[in-house]
Amino acid sequence: MSEKTVADRMFLRNAKSMLIMNGGVHPTVVSQFSPELVKEGDGPFDVIMMFCMNRKDLEQYLPTAKERLDAKGSLWIAYLKQTASKATDINRDSINDYLKQNGITAVAMISIDGDWSAMRAKRIEL
């Protein structure tokens, strides 16, 4: 049995559009996404994948992601694990706290590789 790709674990089969933000920090993962799915522009997008190496990245990319995400879309935040070889100042708890302050809540997590995890989030419905 072959191992599932990150795209498989993200359950993207029904998605029609995806925006990748800061993907240059992990081109190996970005290459796993279908070129037909990955789009550019202002959206709205079914899926947005943000790569955040630190709190600065999270704060920089989240406002744009919120603007471009479809109302029912999925926001994925890929972040460095605390055990990664590169230092980071964020973790799943600090990311989730920041998301909640911005009307978003985490709903799932996946491991990308030995250094990266990703958290799926959606807008909090009032």
C-alpha atoms as a PDB file:
ATOM      1  CA  MET A   1       0.000   0.000   0.000  1.00  0.00           C
ATOM      2  CA  SER A   2       1.401   3.401  -0.962  1.00  0.00           C
ATOM      3  CA  GLU A   3       1.638   6.190   1.561  1.00  0.00           C
ATOM      4  CA  LYS A   4      -0.874   9.003   1.135  1.00  0.00           C
ATOM      5  CA  THR A   5       0.392  12.376  -0.045  1.00  0.00           C
ATOM      6  CA  VAL A   6      -0.232  15.537   1.926  1.00  0.00           C
ATOM      7  CA  ALA A   7      -2.874  16.460  -0.647  1.00  0.00           C
ATOM      8  CA  ASP A   8      -4.635  13.116  -0.005  1.00  0.00           C
ATOM      9  CA  ARG A   9      -4.616  13.683   3.760  1.00  0.00           C
ATOM     10  CA  MET A  10      -6.080  17.147   3.256  1.00  0.00           C
ATOM     11  CA  PHE A  11      -9.142  15.618   1.510  1.00  0.00           C
ATOM     12  CA  LEU A  12      -8.961  17.935  -1.490  1.00  0.00           C
ATOM     13  CA  ARG A  13     -10.923  15.767  -3.937  1.00  0.00           C
ATOM     14  CA  ASN A  14     -13.995  18.069  -3.941  1.00  0.00           C
ATOM     15  CA  ALA A  15     -12.022  21.321  -3.967  1.00  0.00           C
ATOM     16  CA  LYS A  16     -12.093  23.354  -7.159  1.00  0.00           C
ATOM     17  CA  SER A  17      -9.610  26.100  -6.253  1.00  0.00           C
ATOM     18  CA  MET A  18      -6.655  26.421  -3.909  1.00  0.00           C
ATOM     19  CA  LEU A  19      -4.368  29.306  -3.016  1.00  0.00           C
ATOM     20  CA  ILE A  20      -0.915  28.591  -1.592  1.00  0.00           C
ATOM     21  CA  MET A  21       0.694  31.318   0.490  1.00  0.00           C
ATOM     22  CA  ASN A  22       4.430  31.314   1.286  1.00  0.00           C
ATOM     23  CA  GLY A  23       4.814  27.943  -0.430  1.00  0.00           C
ATOM     24  CA  GLY A  24       8.440  28.624  -1.260  1.00  0.00           C
ATOM     25  CA  VAL A  25       9.408  27.532   2.250  1.00  0.00           C
ATOM     26  CA  HIS A  26       8.356  23.942   1.446  1.00  0.00           C
ATOM     27  CA  PRO A  27       8.366  23.313  -2.335  1.00  0.00           C
ATOM     28  CA  THR A  28       8.296  19.526  -1.842  1.00  0.00           C
ATOM     29  CA  VAL A  29       4.786  19.725  -0.377  1.00  0.00           C
ATOM     30  CA  VAL A  30       3.608  22.344  -2.867  1.00  0.00           C
ATOM     31  CA  SER A  31       4.607  20.033  -5.739  1.00  0.00           C
ATOM     32  CA  GLN A  32       2.112  17.419  -4.462  1.00  0.00           C
ATOM     33  CA  PHE A  33      -0.881  19.632  -5.279  1.00  0.00           C
ATOM     34  CA  SER A  34      -2.562  19.334  -8.660  1.00  0.00           C
ATOM     35  CA  PRO A  35      -1.630  22.224 -10.986  1.00  0.00           C
ATOM     36  CA  GLU A  36      -5.289  22.335 -12.083  1.00  0.00           C
ATOM     37  CA  LEU A  37      -6.325  23.009  -8.470  1.00  0.00           C
ATOM     38  CA  VAL A  38      -3.763  25.662  -7.534  1.00  0.00           C
ATOM     39  CA  LYS A  39      -4.890  29.120  -8.660  1.00  0.00           C
ATOM     40  CA  GLU A  40      -3.784  32.736  -8.316  1.00  0.00           C
ATOM     41  CA  GLY A  41      -5.824  35.870  -7.771  1.00  0.00           C
ATOM     42  CA  ASP A  42      -8.244  37.325  -5.260  1.00  0.00           C
ATOM     43  CA  GLY A  43     -10.529  34.303  -4.887  1.00  0.00           C
ATOM     44  CA  PRO A  44     -12.666  33.256  -3.276  1.00  0.00           C
ATOM     45  CA  PHE A  45     -10.875  29.930  -2.878  1.00  0.00           C
ATOM     46  CA  ASP A  46     -12.204  26.609  -1.598  1.00  0.00           C
ATOM     47  CA  VAL A  47      -8.896  25.909   0.152  1.00  0.00           C
ATOM     48  CA  ILE A  48      -6.043  28.129   1.269  1.00  0.00           C
ATOM     49  CA  MET A  49      -2.744  26.670   2.455  1.00  0.00           C
ATOM     50  CA  MET A  50      -0.515  29.062   4.428  1.00  0.00           C
ATOM     51  CA  PHE A  51       3.030  28.074   5.339  1.00  0.00           C
ATOM     52  CA  CYS A  52       4.065  29.834   8.550  1.00  0.00           C
ATOM     53  CA  MET A  53       7.557  29.495   9.904  1.00  0.00           C
ATOM     54  CA  ASN A  54       6.845  31.840  12.815  1.00  0.00           C
ATOM     55  CA  ARG A  55       4.329  34.216  14.401  1.00  0.00           C
ATOM     56  CA  LYS A  56       5.314  36.994  11.988  1.00  0.00           C
ATOM     57  CA  ASP A  57       4.264  34.836   9.012  1.00  0.00           C
ATOM     58  CA  LEU A  58       0.976  33.926  10.707  1.00  0.00           C
ATOM     59  CA  GLU A  59       0.134  37.576  11.349  1.00  0.00           C
ATOM     60  CA  GLN A  60       1.258  38.615   7.874  1.00  0.00           C
ATOM     61  CA  TYR A  61      -0.717  36.050   5.842  1.00  0.00           C
ATOM     62  CA  LEU A  62      -3.907  35.542   7.881  1.00  0.00           C
ATOM     63  CA  PRO A  63      -5.682  38.810   6.904  1.00  0.00           C
ATOM     64  CA  THR A  64      -5.247  38.077   3.178  1.00  0.00           C
ATOM     65  CA  ALA A  65      -6.286  34.458   3.670  1.00  0.00           C
ATOM     66  CA  LYS A  66      -9.487  35.548   5.438  1.00  0.00           C
ATOM     67  CA  GLU A  67     -10.332  37.926   2.581  1.00  0.00           C
ATOM     68  CA  ARG A  68      -9.786  35.315  -0.118  1.00  0.00           C
ATOM     69  CA  LEU A  69     -11.276  32.245   1.578  1.00  0.00           C
ATOM     70  CA  ASP A  70     -14.750  31.162   0.478  1.00  0.00           C
ATOM     71  CA  ALA A  71     -17.340  31.423   3.277  1.00  0.00           C
ATOM     72  CA  LYS A  72     -17.411  27.615   3.602  1.00  0.00           C
ATOM     73  CA  GLY A  73     -13.769  27.119   2.657  1.00  0.00           C
ATOM     74  CA  SER A  74     -10.963  25.395   4.525  1.00  0.00           C
ATOM     75  CA  LEU A  75      -7.904  27.244   5.743  1.00  0.00           C
ATOM     76  CA  TRP A  76      -4.805  25.124   6.314  1.00  0.00           C
ATOM     77  CA  ILE A  77      -1.928  26.525   8.347  1.00  0.00           C
ATOM     78  CA  ALA A  78       1.303  24.580   7.925  1.00  0.00           C
ATOM     79  CA  TYR A  79       3.785  25.272  10.714  1.00  0.00           C
ATOM     80  CA  LEU A  80       7.094  24.006  12.008  1.00  0.00           C
ATOM     81  CA  LYS A  81       6.929  21.482  14.809  1.00  0.00           C
ATOM     82  CA  GLN A  82       8.664  22.379  18.066  1.00  0.00           C
ATOM     83  CA  THR A  83      11.082  19.503  17.378  1.00  0.00           C
ATOM     84  CA  ALA A  84      12.065  20.836  13.925  1.00  0.00           C
ATOM     85  CA  SER A  85      15.673  21.682  13.179  1.00  0.00           C
ATOM     86  CA  LYS A  86      14.690  25.338  12.644  1.00  0.00           C
ATOM     87  CA  ALA A  87      13.521  27.441  15.570  1.00  0.00           C
ATOM     88  CA  THR A  88       9.923  28.668  15.677  1.00  0.00           C
ATOM     89  CA  ASP A  89       7.878  30.737  18.076  1.00  0.00           C
ATOM     90  CA  ILE A  90       4.490  29.148  17.285  1.00  0.00           C
ATOM     91  CA  ASN A  91       2.798  25.843  18.026  1.00  0.00           C
ATOM     92  CA  ARG A  92      -0.698  24.415  17.604  1.00  0.00           C
ATOM     93  CA  ASP A  93      -1.977  26.091  20.790  1.00  0.00           C
ATOM     94  CA  SER A  94      -0.639  29.566  19.996  1.00  0.00           C
ATOM     95  CA  ILE A  95      -1.902  29.299  16.410  1.00  0.00           C
ATOM     96  CA  ASN A  96      -5.352  28.212  17.577  1.00  0.00           C
ATOM     97  CA  ASP A  97      -5.490  31.081  20.106  1.00  0.00           C
ATOM     98  CA  TYR A  98      -4.590  33.591  17.392  1.00  0.00           C
ATOM     99  CA  LEU A  99      -7.141  32.107  14.995  1.00  0.00           C
ATOM    100  CA  LYS A 100      -9.919  32.344  17.602  1.00  0.00           C
ATOM    101  CA  GLN A 101      -9.096  36.031  18.087  1.00  0.00           C
ATOM    102  CA  ASN A 102      -9.750  36.381  14.353  1.00  0.00           C
ATOM    103  CA  GLY A 103     -13.051  34.471  14.156  1.00  0.00           C
ATOM    104  CA  ILE A 104     -11.547  31.160  13.057  1.00  0.00           C
ATOM    105  CA  THR A 105     -11.305  27.811  14.820  1.00  0.00           C
ATOM    106  CA  ALA A 106      -9.136  24.752  14.293  1.00  0.00           C
ATOM    107  CA  VAL A 107     -10.974  21.566  13.359  1.00  0.00           C
ATOM    108  CA  ALA A 108      -8.289  19.015  12.361  1.00  0.00           C
ATOM    109  CA  MET A 109      -4.561  18.371  12.217  1.00  0.00           C
ATOM    110  CA  ILE A 110      -2.190  16.351  10.065  1.00  0.00           C
ATOM    111  CA  SER A 111       1.532  15.658  10.134  1.00  0.00           C
ATOM    112  CA  ILE A 112       3.213  16.724   6.908  1.00  0.00           C
ATOM    113  CA  ASP A 113       6.673  15.338   7.609  1.00  0.00           C
ATOM    114  CA  GLY A 114       9.245  15.199  10.394  1.00  0.00           C
ATOM    115  CA  ASP A 115       9.458  18.992  10.660  1.00  0.00           C
ATOM    116  CA  TRP A 116       6.004  20.250   9.641  1.00  0.00           C
ATOM    117  CA  SER A 117       2.398  19.841  10.785  1.00  0.00           C
ATOM    118  CA  ALA A 118      -0.744  21.453   9.397  1.00  0.00           C
ATOM    119  CA  MET A 119      -3.932  22.597  11.085  1.00  0.00           C
ATOM    120  CA  ARG A 120      -7.266  22.851   9.222  1.00  0.00           C
ATOM    121  CA  ALA A 121      -9.463  25.700  10.334  1.00  0.00           C
ATOM    122  CA  LYS A 122     -12.773  27.261   9.406  1.00  0.00           C
ATOM    123  CA  ARG A 123     -14.676  30.394  10.227  1.00  0.00           C
ATOM    124  CA  ILE A 124     -16.593  30.377  13.505  1.00  0.00           C
ATOM    125  CA  GLU A 125     -20.290  30.453  12.660  1.00  0.00           C
ATOM    126  CA  LEU A 126     -22.250  32.828  14.839  1.00  0.00           C
END
